[in-house]
Amino acid sequence: MRPSTLAIAFGAGRALIGVALLAAPAPIARGWVGAEGTPAAVLTRSLGARDLVIGAGLAVAAAHDRDPTMWLVGGVVADSVDGVFTLAAGDRIPSNGRVATTALAAGAALFGAWLASAID
């Protein structure tokens, strides 16, 4: 599969995650950091908006034969920060959320970095 096709799919997937974070912040915040209420919803929706924009920007750039590297780099930085700080929170957040989020963030950061290097 061509890197540009992978970039479109990766961006679309990230945008869909952003939509889910915007639409249903409560269960995601509860599972990820064990927080509930308006402050948790605000932060989760902010994260969702960020992922929606990065994902959509990546997908549109790749679909229109524009260089998506900056979108990929932005995603790698965001995912790395998410993973590092989720892991660093240790036992102060639920272990399932910590492990799942760290694994998802690390996988996305690694794939994004590889994809950025594979783009023509």
PDB file of N, CA and C in Angstrom:
ATOM      1  N   MET A   1       0.851  -1.180   0.000  1.00  0.00           N
ATOM      2  CA  MET A   1       0.000   0.000   0.000  1.00  0.00           C
ATOM      3  C   MET A   1       0.894   1.239   0.000  1.00  0.00           C
ATOM      4  N   ARG A   2       0.516   2.230  -0.772  1.00  0.00           N
ATOM      5  CA  ARG A   2       1.296   3.467  -0.882  1.00  0.00           C
ATOM      6  C   ARG A   2       1.240   4.259   0.425  1.00  0.00           C
ATOM      7  N   PRO A   3       2.335   4.939   0.785  1.00  0.00           N
ATOM      8  CA  PRO A   3       2.332   5.751   1.999  1.00  0.00           C
ATOM      9  C   PRO A   3       1.229   6.813   2.011  1.00  0.00           C
ATOM     10  N   SER A   4       0.929   7.386   0.848  1.00  0.00           N
ATOM     11  CA  SER A   4      -0.129   8.402   0.817  1.00  0.00           C
ATOM     12  C   SER A   4      -1.490   7.797   1.145  1.00  0.00           C
ATOM     13  N   THR A   5      -1.730   6.575   0.698  1.00  0.00           N
ATOM     14  CA  THR A   5      -2.981   5.886   1.028  1.00  0.00           C
ATOM     15  C   THR A   5      -3.042   5.580   2.516  1.00  0.00           C
ATOM     16  N   LEU A   6      -1.931   5.139   3.079  1.00  0.00           N
ATOM     17  CA  LEU A   6      -1.864   4.902   4.523  1.00  0.00           C
ATOM     18  C   LEU A   6      -2.089   6.194   5.299  1.00  0.00           C
ATOM     19  N   ALA A   7      -1.546   7.296   4.790  1.00  0.00           N
ATOM     20  CA  ALA A   7      -1.726   8.590   5.464  1.00  0.00           C
ATOM     21  C   ALA A   7      -3.194   9.009   5.467  1.00  0.00           C
ATOM     22  N   ILE A   8      -3.882   8.770   4.372  1.00  0.00           N
ATOM     23  CA  ILE A   8      -5.317   9.098   4.310  1.00  0.00           C
ATOM     24  C   ILE A   8      -6.072   8.270   5.356  1.00  0.00           C
ATOM     25  N   ALA A   9      -5.810   6.971   5.398  1.00  0.00           N
ATOM     26  CA  ALA A   9      -6.499   6.095   6.349  1.00  0.00           C
ATOM     27  C   ALA A   9      -6.145   6.449   7.795  1.00  0.00           C
ATOM     28  N   PHE A  10      -4.878   6.715   8.047  1.00  0.00           N
ATOM     29  CA  PHE A  10      -4.423   7.075   9.395  1.00  0.00           C
ATOM     30  C   PHE A  10      -5.070   8.387   9.837  1.00  0.00           C
ATOM     31  N   GLY A  11      -5.119   9.349   8.936  1.00  0.00           N
ATOM     32  CA  GLY A  11      -5.753  10.627   9.253  1.00  0.00           C
ATOM     33  C   GLY A  11      -7.244  10.478   9.496  1.00  0.00           C
ATOM     34  N   ALA A  12      -7.903   9.694   8.669  1.00  0.00           N
ATOM     35  CA  ALA A  12      -9.343   9.480   8.848  1.00  0.00           C
ATOM     36  C   ALA A  12      -9.628   8.782  10.176  1.00  0.00           C
ATOM     37  N   GLY A  13      -8.808   7.813  10.532  1.00  0.00           N
ATOM     38  CA  GLY A  13      -8.979   7.125  11.808  1.00  0.00           C
ATOM     39  C   GLY A  13      -8.789   8.060  12.989  1.00  0.00           C
ATOM     40  N   ARG A  14      -7.772   8.904  12.893  1.00  0.00           N
ATOM     41  CA  ARG A  14      -7.524   9.874  13.967  1.00  0.00           C
ATOM     42  C   ARG A  14      -8.683  10.859  14.068  1.00  0.00           C
ATOM     43  N   ALA A  15      -9.196  11.311  12.936  1.00  0.00           N
ATOM     44  CA  ALA A  15     -10.334  12.229  12.943  1.00  0.00           C
ATOM     45  C   ALA A  15     -11.560  11.568  13.576  1.00  0.00           C
ATOM     46  N   LEU A  16     -11.784  10.297  13.291  1.00  0.00           N
ATOM     47  CA  LEU A  16     -12.916   9.581  13.892  1.00  0.00           C
ATOM     48  C   LEU A  16     -12.747   9.437  15.405  1.00  0.00           C
ATOM     49  N   ILE A  17     -11.544   9.205  15.858  1.00  0.00           N
ATOM     50  CA  ILE A  17     -11.291   9.179  17.306  1.00  0.00           C
ATOM     51  C   ILE A  17     -11.607  10.544  17.899  1.00  0.00           C
ATOM     52  N   GLY A  18     -11.211  11.609  17.192  1.00  0.00           N
ATOM     53  CA  GLY A  18     -11.535  12.956  17.650  1.00  0.00           C
ATOM     54  C   GLY A  18     -13.030  13.176  17.774  1.00  0.00           C
ATOM     55  N   VAL A  19     -13.776  12.699  16.804  1.00  0.00           N
ATOM     56  CA  VAL A  19     -15.241  12.822  16.859  1.00  0.00           C
ATOM     57  C   VAL A  19     -15.793  12.067  18.060  1.00  0.00           C
ATOM     58  N   ALA A  20     -15.274  10.871  18.329  1.00  0.00           N
ATOM     59  CA  ALA A  20     -15.739  10.088  19.481  1.00  0.00           C
ATOM     60  C   ALA A  20     -15.440  10.821  20.793  1.00  0.00           C
ATOM     61  N   LEU A  21     -14.272  11.429  20.882  1.00  0.00           N
ATOM     62  CA  LEU A  21     -13.919  12.183  22.084  1.00  0.00           C
ATOM     63  C   LEU A  21     -14.829  13.403  22.267  1.00  0.00           C
ATOM     64  N   LEU A  22     -15.189  14.029  21.177  1.00  0.00           N
ATOM     65  CA  LEU A  22     -16.107  15.168  21.242  1.00  0.00           C
ATOM     66  C   LEU A  22     -17.520  14.726  21.613  1.00  0.00           C
ATOM     67  N   ALA A  23     -17.951  13.613  21.060  1.00  0.00           N
ATOM     68  CA  ALA A  23     -19.338  13.171  21.236  1.00  0.00           C
ATOM     69  C   ALA A  23     -19.601  12.489  22.573  1.00  0.00           C
ATOM     70  N   ALA A  24     -18.632  11.756  23.083  1.00  0.00           N
ATOM     71  CA  ALA A  24     -18.840  10.977  24.311  1.00  0.00           C
ATOM     72  C   ALA A  24     -17.663  11.134  25.263  1.00  0.00           C
ATOM     73  N   PRO A  25     -17.464  12.332  25.793  1.00  0.00           N
ATOM     74  CA  PRO A  25     -16.280  12.556  26.626  1.00  0.00           C
ATOM     75  C   PRO A  25     -16.310  11.839  27.978  1.00  0.00           C
ATOM     76  N   ALA A  26     -17.487  11.655  28.562  1.00  0.00           N
ATOM     77  CA  ALA A  26     -17.569  11.116  29.923  1.00  0.00           C
ATOM     78  C   ALA A  26     -16.987   9.703  30.053  1.00  0.00           C
ATOM     79  N   PRO A  27     -17.430   8.744  29.249  1.00  0.00           N
ATOM     80  CA  PRO A  27     -16.874   7.398  29.433  1.00  0.00           C
ATOM     81  C   PRO A  27     -15.387   7.326  29.092  1.00  0.00           C
ATOM     82  N   ILE A  28     -14.956   8.145  28.151  1.00  0.00           N
ATOM     83  CA  ILE A  28     -13.543   8.125  27.776  1.00  0.00           C
ATOM     84  C   ILE A  28     -12.696   8.701  28.902  1.00  0.00           C
ATOM     85  N   ALA A  29     -13.097   9.825  29.458  1.00  0.00           N
ATOM     86  CA  ALA A  29     -12.350  10.431  30.573  1.00  0.00           C
ATOM     87  C   ALA A  29     -12.336   9.505  31.784  1.00  0.00           C
ATOM     88  N   ARG A  30     -13.450   8.871  32.061  1.00  0.00           N
ATOM     89  CA  ARG A  30     -13.539   7.955  33.200  1.00  0.00           C
ATOM     90  C   ARG A  30     -12.569   6.788  33.020  1.00  0.00           C
ATOM     91  N   GLY A  31     -12.542   6.206  31.831  1.00  0.00           N
ATOM     92  CA  GLY A  31     -11.666   5.069  31.579  1.00  0.00           C
ATOM     93  C   GLY A  31     -10.202   5.438  31.486  1.00  0.00           C
ATOM     94  N   TRP A  32      -9.925   6.613  30.949  1.00  0.00           N
ATOM     95  CA  TRP A  32      -8.543   7.029  30.726  1.00  0.00           C
ATOM     96  C   TRP A  32      -7.896   7.517  32.013  1.00  0.00           C
ATOM     97  N   VAL A  33      -8.499   8.507  32.658  1.00  0.00           N
ATOM     98  CA  VAL A  33      -7.868   9.117  33.836  1.00  0.00           C
ATOM     99  C   VAL A  33      -8.689   8.997  35.104  1.00  0.00           C
ATOM    100  N   GLY A  34      -9.843   8.344  35.021  1.00  0.00           N
ATOM    101  CA  GLY A  34     -10.665   8.163  36.204  1.00  0.00           C
ATOM    102  C   GLY A  34     -11.374   9.425  36.650  1.00  0.00           C
ATOM    103  N   ALA A  35     -11.572  10.373  35.758  1.00  0.00           N
ATOM    104  CA  ALA A  35     -12.195  11.650  36.107  1.00  0.00           C
ATOM    105  C   ALA A  35     -13.587  11.734  35.507  1.00  0.00           C
ATOM    106  N   GLU A  36     -14.439  12.488  36.190  1.00  0.00           N
ATOM    107  CA  GLU A  36     -15.802  12.685  35.717  1.00  0.00           C
ATOM    108  C   GLU A  36     -16.187  14.147  35.871  1.00  0.00           C
ATOM    109  N   GLY A  37     -17.298  14.507  35.295  1.00  0.00           N
ATOM    110  CA  GLY A  37     -17.829  15.850  35.445  1.00  0.00           C
ATOM    111  C   GLY A  37     -17.389  16.786  34.342  1.00  0.00           C
ATOM    112  N   THR A  38     -17.799  18.030  34.492  1.00  0.00           N
ATOM    113  CA  THR A  38     -17.556  19.043  33.469  1.00  0.00           C
ATOM    114  C   THR A  38     -16.071  19.258  33.174  1.00  0.00           C
ATOM    115  N   PRO A  39     -15.188  19.392  34.180  1.00  0.00           N
ATOM    116  CA  PRO A  39     -13.769  19.598  33.841  1.00  0.00           C
ATOM    117  C   PRO A  39     -13.184  18.469  32.988  1.00  0.00           C
ATOM    118  N   ALA A  40     -13.539  17.230  33.312  1.00  0.00           N
ATOM    119  CA  ALA A  40     -13.043  16.105  32.525  1.00  0.00           C
ATOM    120  C   ALA A  40     -13.600  16.143  31.106  1.00  0.00           C
ATOM    121  N   ALA A  41     -14.877  16.518  30.963  1.00  0.00           N
ATOM    122  CA  ALA A  41     -15.490  16.606  29.631  1.00  0.00           C
ATOM    123  C   ALA A  41     -14.838  17.703  28.797  1.00  0.00           C
ATOM    124  N   VAL A  42     -14.542  18.828  29.420  1.00  0.00           N
ATOM    125  CA  VAL A  42     -13.897  19.933  28.702  1.00  0.00           C
ATOM    126  C   VAL A  42     -12.536  19.490  28.168  1.00  0.00           C
ATOM    127  N   LEU A  43     -11.739  18.869  29.016  1.00  0.00           N
ATOM    128  CA  LEU A  43     -10.408  18.436  28.582  1.00  0.00           C
ATOM    129  C   LEU A  43     -10.483  17.336  27.523  1.00  0.00           C
ATOM    130  N   THR A  44     -11.411  16.413  27.688  1.00  0.00           N
ATOM    131  CA  THR A  44     -11.554  15.335  26.706  1.00  0.00           C
ATOM    132  C   THR A  44     -12.028  15.885  25.368  1.00  0.00           C
ATOM    133  N   ARG A  45     -12.946  16.823  25.394  1.00  0.00           N
ATOM    134  CA  ARG A  45     -13.407  17.425  24.129  1.00  0.00           C
ATOM    135  C   ARG A  45     -12.290  18.248  23.476  1.00  0.00           C
ATOM    136  N   SER A  46     -11.472  18.902  24.275  1.00  0.00           N
ATOM    137  CA  SER A  46     -10.334  19.641  23.710  1.00  0.00           C
ATOM    138  C   SER A  46      -9.383  18.684  22.996  1.00  0.00           C
ATOM    139  N   LEU A  47      -9.119  17.555  23.616  1.00  0.00           N
ATOM    140  CA  LEU A  47      -8.286  16.531  22.994  1.00  0.00           C
ATOM    141  C   LEU A  47      -8.944  16.021  21.711  1.00  0.00           C
ATOM    142  N   GLY A  48     -10.264  15.852  21.753  1.00  0.00           N
ATOM    143  CA  GLY A  48     -10.991  15.401  20.570  1.00  0.00           C
ATOM    144  C   GLY A  48     -10.892  16.391  19.419  1.00  0.00           C
ATOM    145  N   ALA A  49     -11.016  17.671  19.732  1.00  0.00           N
ATOM    146  CA  ALA A  49     -10.899  18.689  18.688  1.00  0.00           C
ATOM    147  C   ALA A  49      -9.503  18.671  18.081  1.00  0.00           C
ATOM    148  N   ARG A  50      -8.495  18.521  18.934  1.00  0.00           N
ATOM    149  CA  ARG A  50      -7.113  18.452  18.446  1.00  0.00           C
ATOM    150  C   ARG A  50      -6.948  17.271  17.497  1.00  0.00           C
ATOM    151  N   ASP A  51      -7.429  16.097  17.894  1.00  0.00           N
ATOM    152  CA  ASP A  51      -7.273  14.920  17.048  1.00  0.00           C
ATOM    153  C   ASP A  51      -8.096  15.013  15.764  1.00  0.00           C
ATOM    154  N   LEU A  52      -9.273  15.604  15.840  1.00  0.00           N
ATOM    155  CA  LEU A  52     -10.087  15.808  14.650  1.00  0.00           C
ATOM    156  C   LEU A  52      -9.350  16.698  13.648  1.00  0.00           C
ATOM    157  N   VAL A  53      -8.775  17.786  14.121  1.00  0.00           N
ATOM    158  CA  VAL A  53      -8.080  18.710  13.221  1.00  0.00           C
ATOM    159  C   VAL A  53      -6.811  18.074  12.641  1.00  0.00           C
ATOM    160  N   ILE A  54      -6.006  17.433  13.489  1.00  0.00           N
ATOM    161  CA  ILE A  54      -4.783  16.796  12.985  1.00  0.00           C
ATOM    162  C   ILE A  54      -5.138  15.694  11.982  1.00  0.00           C
ATOM    163  N   GLY A  55      -6.109  14.869  12.319  1.00  0.00           N
ATOM    164  CA  GLY A  55      -6.487  13.775  11.434  1.00  0.00           C
ATOM    165  C   GLY A  55      -7.064  14.249  10.115  1.00  0.00           C
ATOM    166  N   ALA A  56      -7.965  15.222  10.185  1.00  0.00           N
ATOM    167  CA  ALA A  56      -8.567  15.741   8.951  1.00  0.00           C
ATOM    168  C   ALA A  56      -7.517  16.440   8.095  1.00  0.00           C
ATOM    169  N   GLY A  57      -6.645  17.219   8.725  1.00  0.00           N
ATOM    170  CA  GLY A  57      -5.578  17.889   7.972  1.00  0.00           C
ATOM    171  C   GLY A  57      -4.675  16.897   7.279  1.00  0.00           C
ATOM    172  N   LEU A  58      -4.327  15.831   7.980  1.00  0.00           N
ATOM    173  CA  LEU A  58      -3.481  14.785   7.408  1.00  0.00           C
ATOM    174  C   LEU A  58      -4.177  14.108   6.233  1.00  0.00           C
ATOM    175  N   ALA A  59      -5.428  13.713   6.425  1.00  0.00           N
ATOM    176  CA  ALA A  59      -6.157  13.009   5.363  1.00  0.00           C
ATOM    177  C   ALA A  59      -6.344  13.894   4.135  1.00  0.00           C
ATOM    178  N   VAL A  60      -6.712  15.143   4.343  1.00  0.00           N
ATOM    179  CA  VAL A  60      -6.935  16.055   3.205  1.00  0.00           C
ATOM    180  C   VAL A  60      -5.626  16.322   2.471  1.00  0.00           C
ATOM    181  N   ALA A  61      -4.555  16.579   3.223  1.00  0.00           N
ATOM    182  CA  ALA A  61      -3.262  16.838   2.564  1.00  0.00           C
ATOM    183  C   ALA A  61      -2.844  15.634   1.728  1.00  0.00           C
ATOM    184  N   ALA A  62      -2.916  14.454   2.297  1.00  0.00           N
ATOM    185  CA  ALA A  62      -2.489  13.253   1.569  1.00  0.00           C
ATOM    186  C   ALA A  62      -3.401  12.968   0.381  1.00  0.00           C
ATOM    187  N   ALA A  63      -4.693  13.206   0.534  1.00  0.00           N
ATOM    188  CA  ALA A  63      -5.638  12.931  -0.554  1.00  0.00           C
ATOM    189  C   ALA A  63      -5.458  13.877  -1.733  1.00  0.00           C
ATOM    190  N   HIS A  64      -4.932  15.072  -1.471  1.00  0.00           N
ATOM    191  CA  HIS A  64      -4.765  16.068  -2.529  1.00  0.00           C
ATOM    192  C   HIS A  64      -3.310  16.224  -2.951  1.00  0.00           C
ATOM    193  N   ASP A  65      -2.526  15.180  -2.718  1.00  0.00           N
ATOM    194  CA  ASP A  65      -1.119  15.147  -3.125  1.00  0.00           C
ATOM    195  C   ASP A  65      -0.316  16.328  -2.581  1.00  0.00           C
ATOM    196  N   ARG A  66      -0.675  16.772  -1.384  1.00  0.00           N
ATOM    197  CA  ARG A  66       0.123  17.786  -0.687  1.00  0.00           C
ATOM    198  C   ARG A  66       0.975  17.061   0.338  1.00  0.00           C
ATOM    199  N   ASP A  67       2.072  17.667   0.731  1.00  0.00           N
ATOM    200  CA  ASP A  67       2.971  17.050   1.706  1.00  0.00           C
ATOM    201  C   ASP A  67       2.306  17.010   3.088  1.00  0.00           C
ATOM    202  N   PRO A  68       2.020  15.815   3.607  1.00  0.00           N
ATOM    203  CA  PRO A  68       1.361  15.702   4.909  1.00  0.00           C
ATOM    204  C   PRO A  68       2.338  15.623   6.081  1.00  0.00           C
ATOM    205  N   THR A  69       3.624  15.836   5.816  1.00  0.00           N
ATOM    206  CA  THR A  69       4.632  15.619   6.852  1.00  0.00           C
ATOM    207  C   THR A  69       4.389  16.442   8.103  1.00  0.00           C
ATOM    208  N   MET A  70       4.028  17.707   7.965  1.00  0.00           N
ATOM    209  CA  MET A  70       3.823  18.533   9.158  1.00  0.00           C
ATOM    210  C   MET A  70       2.641  18.033   9.982  1.00  0.00           C
ATOM    211  N   TRP A  71       1.611  17.536   9.335  1.00  0.00           N
ATOM    212  CA  TRP A  71       0.488  16.961  10.067  1.00  0.00           C
ATOM    213  C   TRP A  71       0.937  15.704  10.811  1.00  0.00           C
ATOM    214  N   LEU A  72       1.750  14.890  10.157  1.00  0.00           N
ATOM    215  CA  LEU A  72       2.271  13.682  10.802  1.00  0.00           C
ATOM    216  C   LEU A  72       3.160  14.031  11.989  1.00  0.00           C
ATOM    217  N   VAL A  73       4.042  15.007  11.817  1.00  0.00           N
ATOM    218  CA  VAL A  73       4.931  15.421  12.906  1.00  0.00           C
ATOM    219  C   VAL A  73       4.115  15.979  14.072  1.00  0.00           C
ATOM    220  N   GLY A  74       3.111  16.777  13.774  1.00  0.00           N
ATOM    221  CA  GLY A  74       2.240  17.290  14.830  1.00  0.00           C
ATOM    222  C   GLY A  74       1.564  16.165  15.594  1.00  0.00           C
ATOM    223  N   GLY A  75       1.110  15.148  14.888  1.00  0.00           N
ATOM    224  CA  GLY A  75       0.495  14.001  15.534  1.00  0.00           C
ATOM    225  C   GLY A  75       1.485  13.212  16.374  1.00  0.00           C
ATOM    226  N   VAL A  76       2.701  13.049  15.869  1.00  0.00           N
ATOM    227  CA  VAL A  76       3.733  12.336  16.622  1.00  0.00           C
ATOM    228  C   VAL A  76       4.032  13.064  17.931  1.00  0.00           C
ATOM    229  N   VAL A  77       4.161  14.372  17.863  1.00  0.00           N
ATOM    230  CA  VAL A  77       4.434  15.152  19.085  1.00  0.00           C
ATOM    231  C   VAL A  77       3.261  15.019  20.057  1.00  0.00           C
ATOM    232  N   ALA A  78       2.040  15.210  19.570  1.00  0.00           N
ATOM    233  CA  ALA A  78       0.860  15.116  20.435  1.00  0.00           C
ATOM    234  C   ALA A  78       0.734  13.727  21.054  1.00  0.00           C
ATOM    235  N   ASP A  79       0.917  12.689  20.255  1.00  0.00           N
ATOM    236  CA  ASP A  79       0.809  11.323  20.765  1.00  0.00           C
ATOM    237  C   ASP A  79       1.912  11.014  21.773  1.00  0.00           C
ATOM    238  N   SER A  80       3.103  11.495  21.516  1.00  0.00           N
ATOM    239  CA  SER A  80       4.217  11.274  22.445  1.00  0.00           C
ATOM    240  C   SER A  80       3.944  11.925  23.789  1.00  0.00           C
ATOM    241  N   VAL A  81       3.453  13.154  23.758  1.00  0.00           N
ATOM    242  CA  VAL A  81       3.120  13.853  24.999  1.00  0.00           C
ATOM    243  C   VAL A  81       2.011  13.106  25.738  1.00  0.00           C
ATOM    244  N   ASP A  82       0.970  12.691  25.016  1.00  0.00           N
ATOM    245  CA  ASP A  82      -0.124  11.933  25.636  1.00  0.00           C
ATOM    246  C   ASP A  82       0.410  10.682  26.324  1.00  0.00           C
ATOM    247  N   GLY A  83       1.233   9.931  25.628  1.00  0.00           N
ATOM    248  CA  GLY A  83       1.752   8.682  26.173  1.00  0.00           C
ATOM    249  C   GLY A  83       2.672   8.883  27.358  1.00  0.00           C
ATOM    250  N   VAL A  84       3.588   9.828  27.250  1.00  0.00           N
ATOM    251  CA  VAL A  84       4.550  10.067  28.333  1.00  0.00           C
ATOM    252  C   VAL A  84       3.842  10.518  29.603  1.00  0.00           C
ATOM    253  N   PHE A  85       2.933  11.470  29.482  1.00  0.00           N
ATOM    254  CA  PHE A  85       2.287  11.984  30.681  1.00  0.00           C
ATOM    255  C   PHE A  85       1.236  11.035  31.245  1.00  0.00           C
ATOM    256  N   THR A  86       0.628  10.230  30.390  1.00  0.00           N
ATOM    257  CA  THR A  86      -0.281   9.206  30.897  1.00  0.00           C
ATOM    258  C   THR A  86       0.510   8.161  31.676  1.00  0.00           C
ATOM    259  N   LEU A  87       1.619   7.718  31.135  1.00  0.00           N
ATOM    260  CA  LEU A  87       2.468   6.753  31.827  1.00  0.00           C
ATOM    261  C   LEU A  87       3.032   7.346  33.116  1.00  0.00           C
ATOM    262  N   ALA A  88       3.454   8.596  33.054  1.00  0.00           N
ATOM    263  CA  ALA A  88       4.038   9.247  34.229  1.00  0.00           C
ATOM    264  C   ALA A  88       3.039   9.436  35.368  1.00  0.00           C
ATOM    265  N   ALA A  89       1.754   9.443  35.052  1.00  0.00           N
ATOM    266  CA  ALA A  89       0.745   9.598  36.097  1.00  0.00           C
ATOM    267  C   ALA A  89       0.725   8.407  37.040  1.00  0.00           C
ATOM    268  N   GLY A  90       1.241   7.290  36.593  1.00  0.00           N
ATOM    269  CA  GLY A  90       1.347   6.113  37.454  1.00  0.00           C
ATOM    270  C   GLY A  90       0.012   5.681  38.032  1.00  0.00           C
ATOM    271  N   ASP A  91       0.031   5.289  39.278  1.00  0.00           N
ATOM    272  CA  ASP A  91      -1.153   4.747  39.941  1.00  0.00           C
ATOM    273  C   ASP A  91      -2.207   5.797  40.262  1.00  0.00           C
ATOM    274  N   ARG A  92      -1.959   7.038  39.905  1.00  0.00           N
ATOM    275  CA  ARG A  92      -2.953   8.083  40.174  1.00  0.00           C
ATOM    276  C   ARG A  92      -4.109   8.049  39.178  1.00  0.00           C
ATOM    277  N   ILE A  93      -3.964   7.243  38.134  1.00  0.00           N
ATOM    278  CA  ILE A  93      -5.058   7.032  37.180  1.00  0.00           C
ATOM    279  C   ILE A  93      -5.276   5.534  37.029  1.00  0.00           C
ATOM    280  N   PRO A  94      -6.440   5.119  36.528  1.00  0.00           N
ATOM    281  CA  PRO A  94      -6.726   3.685  36.407  1.00  0.00           C
ATOM    282  C   PRO A  94      -5.689   2.958  35.550  1.00  0.00           C
ATOM    283  N   SER A  95      -5.286   1.778  36.013  1.00  0.00           N
ATOM    284  CA  SER A  95      -4.237   1.040  35.298  1.00  0.00           C
ATOM    285  C   SER A  95      -4.657   0.646  33.891  1.00  0.00           C
ATOM    286  N   ASN A  96      -5.919   0.248  33.689  1.00  0.00           N
ATOM    287  CA  ASN A  96      -6.371  -0.115  32.335  1.00  0.00           C
ATOM    288  C   ASN A  96      -6.261   1.070  31.391  1.00  0.00           C
ATOM    289  N   GLY A  97      -6.698   2.236  31.835  1.00  0.00           N
ATOM    290  CA  GLY A  97      -6.601   3.439  31.014  1.00  0.00           C
ATOM    291  C   GLY A  97      -5.161   3.826  30.750  1.00  0.00           C
ATOM    292  N   ARG A  98      -4.327   3.693  31.763  1.00  0.00           N
ATOM    293  CA  ARG A  98      -2.908   4.049  31.619  1.00  0.00           C
ATOM    294  C   ARG A  98      -2.228   3.148  30.603  1.00  0.00           C
ATOM    295  N   VAL A  99      -2.450   1.845  30.718  1.00  0.00           N
ATOM    296  CA  VAL A  99      -1.811   0.895  29.808  1.00  0.00           C
ATOM    297  C   VAL A  99      -2.351   1.061  28.388  1.00  0.00           C
ATOM    298  N   ALA A 100      -3.673   1.125  28.251  1.00  0.00           N
ATOM    299  CA  ALA A 100      -4.272   1.232  26.916  1.00  0.00           C
ATOM    300  C   ALA A 100      -3.888   2.532  26.228  1.00  0.00           C
ATOM    301  N   THR A 101      -3.952   3.637  26.959  1.00  0.00           N
ATOM    302  CA  THR A 101      -3.626   4.932  26.349  1.00  0.00           C
ATOM    303  C   THR A 101      -2.152   5.017  25.995  1.00  0.00           C
ATOM    304  N   THR A 102      -1.293   4.530  26.882  1.00  0.00           N
ATOM    305  CA  THR A 102       0.144   4.553  26.588  1.00  0.00           C
ATOM    306  C   THR A 102       0.455   3.703  25.364  1.00  0.00           C
ATOM    307  N   ALA A 103      -0.149   2.529  25.281  1.00  0.00           N
ATOM    308  CA  ALA A 103       0.087   1.656  24.122  1.00  0.00           C
ATOM    309  C   ALA A 103      -0.446   2.287  22.837  1.00  0.00           C
ATOM    310  N   LEU A 104      -1.651   2.839  22.881  1.00  0.00           N
ATOM    311  CA  LEU A 104      -2.232   3.481  21.700  1.00  0.00           C
ATOM    312  C   LEU A 104      -1.394   4.687  21.268  1.00  0.00           C
ATOM    313  N   ALA A 105      -1.000   5.519  22.228  1.00  0.00           N
ATOM    314  CA  ALA A 105      -0.211   6.716  21.908  1.00  0.00           C
ATOM    315  C   ALA A 105       1.154   6.331  21.344  1.00  0.00           C
ATOM    316  N   ALA A 106       1.803   5.339  21.952  1.00  0.00           N
ATOM    317  CA  ALA A 106       3.121   4.913  21.466  1.00  0.00           C
ATOM    318  C   ALA A 106       3.011   4.324  20.065  1.00  0.00           C
ATOM    319  N   GLY A 107       2.012   3.487  19.847  1.00  0.00           N
ATOM    320  CA  GLY A 107       1.826   2.904  18.522  1.00  0.00           C
ATOM    321  C   GLY A 107       1.557   3.956  17.463  1.00  0.00           C
ATOM    322  N   ALA A 108       0.700   4.921  17.797  1.00  0.00           N
ATOM    323  CA  ALA A 108       0.383   5.984  16.846  1.00  0.00           C
ATOM    324  C   ALA A 108       1.605   6.857  16.575  1.00  0.00           C
ATOM    325  N   ALA A 109       2.383   7.160  17.618  1.00  0.00           N
ATOM    326  CA  ALA A 109       3.584   7.985  17.436  1.00  0.00           C
ATOM    327  C   ALA A 109       4.609   7.261  16.562  1.00  0.00           C
ATOM    328  N   LEU A 110       4.814   5.987  16.825  1.00  0.00           N
ATOM    329  CA  LEU A 110       5.775   5.217  16.025  1.00  0.00           C
ATOM    330  C   LEU A 110       5.315   5.082  14.575  1.00  0.00           C
ATOM    331  N   PHE A 111       4.037   4.778  14.383  1.00  0.00           N
ATOM    332  CA  PHE A 111       3.528   4.647  13.018  1.00  0.00           C
ATOM    333  C   PHE A 111       3.590   5.991  12.298  1.00  0.00           C
ATOM    334  N   GLY A 112       3.219   7.068  12.987  1.00  0.00           N
ATOM    335  CA  GLY A 112       3.281   8.399  12.382  1.00  0.00           C
ATOM    336  C   GLY A 112       4.697   8.783  11.992  1.00  0.00           C
ATOM    337  N   ALA A 113       5.664   8.457  12.861  1.00  0.00           N
ATOM    338  CA  ALA A 113       7.068   8.755  12.540  1.00  0.00           C
ATOM    339  C   ALA A 113       7.546   7.950  11.343  1.00  0.00           C
ATOM    340  N   TRP A 114       7.185   6.671  11.327  1.00  0.00           N
ATOM    341  CA  TRP A 114       7.562   5.847  10.176  1.00  0.00           C
ATOM    342  C   TRP A 114       6.915   6.385   8.903  1.00  0.00           C
ATOM    343  N   LEU A 115       5.631   6.721   8.978  1.00  0.00           N
ATOM    344  CA  LEU A 115       4.917   7.201   7.803  1.00  0.00           C
ATOM    345  C   LEU A 115       5.511   8.510   7.299  1.00  0.00           C
ATOM    346  N   ALA A 116       5.892   9.382   8.218  1.00  0.00           N
ATOM    347  CA  ALA A 116       6.519  10.654   7.812  1.00  0.00           C
ATOM    348  C   ALA A 116       7.807  10.396   7.054  1.00  0.00           C
ATOM    349  N   SER A 117       8.565   9.372   7.476  1.00  0.00           N
ATOM    350  CA  SER A 117       9.817   9.063   6.776  1.00  0.00           C
ATOM    351  C   SER A 117       9.568   8.356   5.448  1.00  0.00           C
ATOM    352  N   ALA A 118       8.410   7.711   5.298  1.00  0.00           N
ATOM    353  CA  ALA A 118       8.101   6.971   4.078  1.00  0.00           C
ATOM    354  C   ALA A 118       7.439   7.824   3.000  1.00  0.00           C
ATOM    355  N   ILE A 119       6.930   8.985   3.387  1.00  0.00           N
ATOM    356  CA  ILE A 119       6.265   9.868   2.420  1.00  0.00           C
ATOM    357  C   ILE A 119       7.301  10.396   1.440  1.00  0.00           C
ATOM    358  N   ASP A 120       6.976  10.354   0.173  1.00  0.00           N
ATOM    359  CA  ASP A 120       7.901  10.835  -0.893  1.00  0.00           C
ATOM    360  C   ASP A 120       8.233  12.291  -0.723  1.00  0.00           C
TER     361      ASP A 120
END
